[in-house]
Amino acid sequence: MEYWKIGKKIRELRKRKGLTQEELARKAGISRQTLSTLERGLLGRITVTTLIRVLHQLGYELDIKERKEAFFFDPSMVED
């Protein structure tokens, strides 16, 4: 998964609701800096609980689904 896409989507949803980062952060009980980090896709620094709280304030929830088979390139399979 490309984490920046999650951040981009959260920013899009926040703006669609007409909320500033400060307003959404306050509603979710997090700092504006944490929300900014999330919106930039730096999810390694964000807990799942924080992500769920932000999504909840935006009217969304976290959903887990089966991953589609992805193409995997194995360089050892290439003939010289």
Protein backbone atom coordinates (compact mmCIF):
# COMPACT_ATOMS: atom_id res chain seq x y z
CA MET A 1 0.00 0.00 0.00
CA GLU A 2 1.19 3.47 -0.78
CA TYR A 3 0.75 5.29 2.53
CA TRP A 4 0.79 8.75 0.95
CA LYS A 5 -2.54 7.84 -0.68
CA ILE A 6 -4.11 7.37 2.75
CA GLY A 7 -2.85 10.77 3.84
CA LYS A 8 -4.06 12.39 0.64
CA LYS A 9 -7.53 10.84 1.09
CA ILE A 10 -7.78 12.01 4.70
CA ARG A 11 -6.81 15.56 3.66
CA GLU A 12 -9.43 15.42 0.87
CA LEU A 13 -12.15 14.23 3.28
CA ARG A 14 -11.24 16.88 5.84
CA LYS A 15 -11.42 19.66 3.28
CA ARG A 16 -14.70 18.29 1.89
CA LYS A 17 -16.16 18.62 5.40
CA GLY A 18 -14.85 22.19 5.59
CA LEU A 19 -12.59 21.48 8.57
CA THR A 20 -9.17 22.92 9.27
CA GLN A 21 -6.42 20.67 10.56
CA GLU A 22 -6.80 22.32 13.94
CA GLU A 23 -10.56 21.61 14.08
CA LEU A 24 -10.27 17.97 13.02
CA ALA A 25 -7.34 17.36 15.35
CA ARG A 26 -9.30 18.79 18.31
CA LYS A 27 -12.34 16.63 17.50
CA ALA A 28 -10.13 13.53 17.22
CA GLY A 29 -8.22 14.35 20.41
CA ILE A 30 -4.83 14.62 18.72
CA SER A 31 -2.42 17.45 17.98
CA ARG A 32 -2.48 19.38 14.71
CA GLN A 33 1.10 18.21 14.14
CA THR A 34 0.00 14.57 14.38
CA LEU A 35 -2.79 15.17 11.88
CA SER A 36 -0.31 16.90 9.56
CA THR A 37 1.99 13.89 9.83
CA LEU A 38 -0.92 11.59 8.97
CA GLU A 39 -1.98 13.74 6.00
CA ARG A 40 1.58 13.59 4.64
CA GLY A 41 1.38 9.79 4.66
CA LEU A 42 3.96 9.23 7.38
CA LEU A 43 1.94 6.41 8.91
CA GLY A 44 4.92 4.76 10.57
CA ARG A 45 4.63 7.47 13.21
CA ILE A 46 0.86 7.12 13.69
CA THR A 47 -0.93 4.52 15.81
CA VAL A 48 -3.87 2.56 14.43
CA THR A 49 -5.98 4.07 17.21
CA THR A 50 -5.15 7.57 16.00
CA LEU A 51 -6.01 6.66 12.42
CA ILE A 52 -9.36 5.19 13.53
CA ARG A 53 -10.18 8.28 15.64
CA VAL A 54 -9.54 10.60 12.69
CA LEU A 55 -11.54 8.44 10.31
CA HIS A 56 -14.41 8.30 12.83
CA GLN A 57 -14.56 12.10 12.98
CA LEU A 58 -14.74 12.17 9.19
CA GLY A 59 -17.58 9.62 9.13
CA TYR A 60 -15.44 6.73 7.88
CA GLU A 61 -14.05 3.51 9.30
CA LEU A 62 -11.02 1.33 8.72
CA ASP A 63 -11.75 -1.73 6.58
CA ILE A 64 -9.50 -4.70 5.95
CA LYS A 65 -9.85 -6.69 2.78
CA GLU A 66 -7.97 -9.43 1.00
CA ARG A 67 -5.10 -8.20 -1.09
CA LYS A 68 -5.17 -8.87 -4.82
CA GLU A 69 -2.30 -10.92 -6.16
CA ALA A 70 0.47 -8.52 -7.03
CA PHE A 71 3.11 -8.99 -9.68
CA PHE A 72 6.48 -9.71 -8.14
CA PHE A 73 9.66 -9.26 -10.17
CA ASP A 74 12.38 -11.74 -9.29
CA PRO A 75 15.69 -10.61 -10.86
CA SER A 76 17.14 -14.13 -10.46
CA MET A 77 14.68 -15.37 -13.08
CA VAL A 78 16.20 -13.18 -15.80
CA GLU A 79 18.55 -14.99 -18.17
CA ASP A 80 21.92 -13.39 -18.93
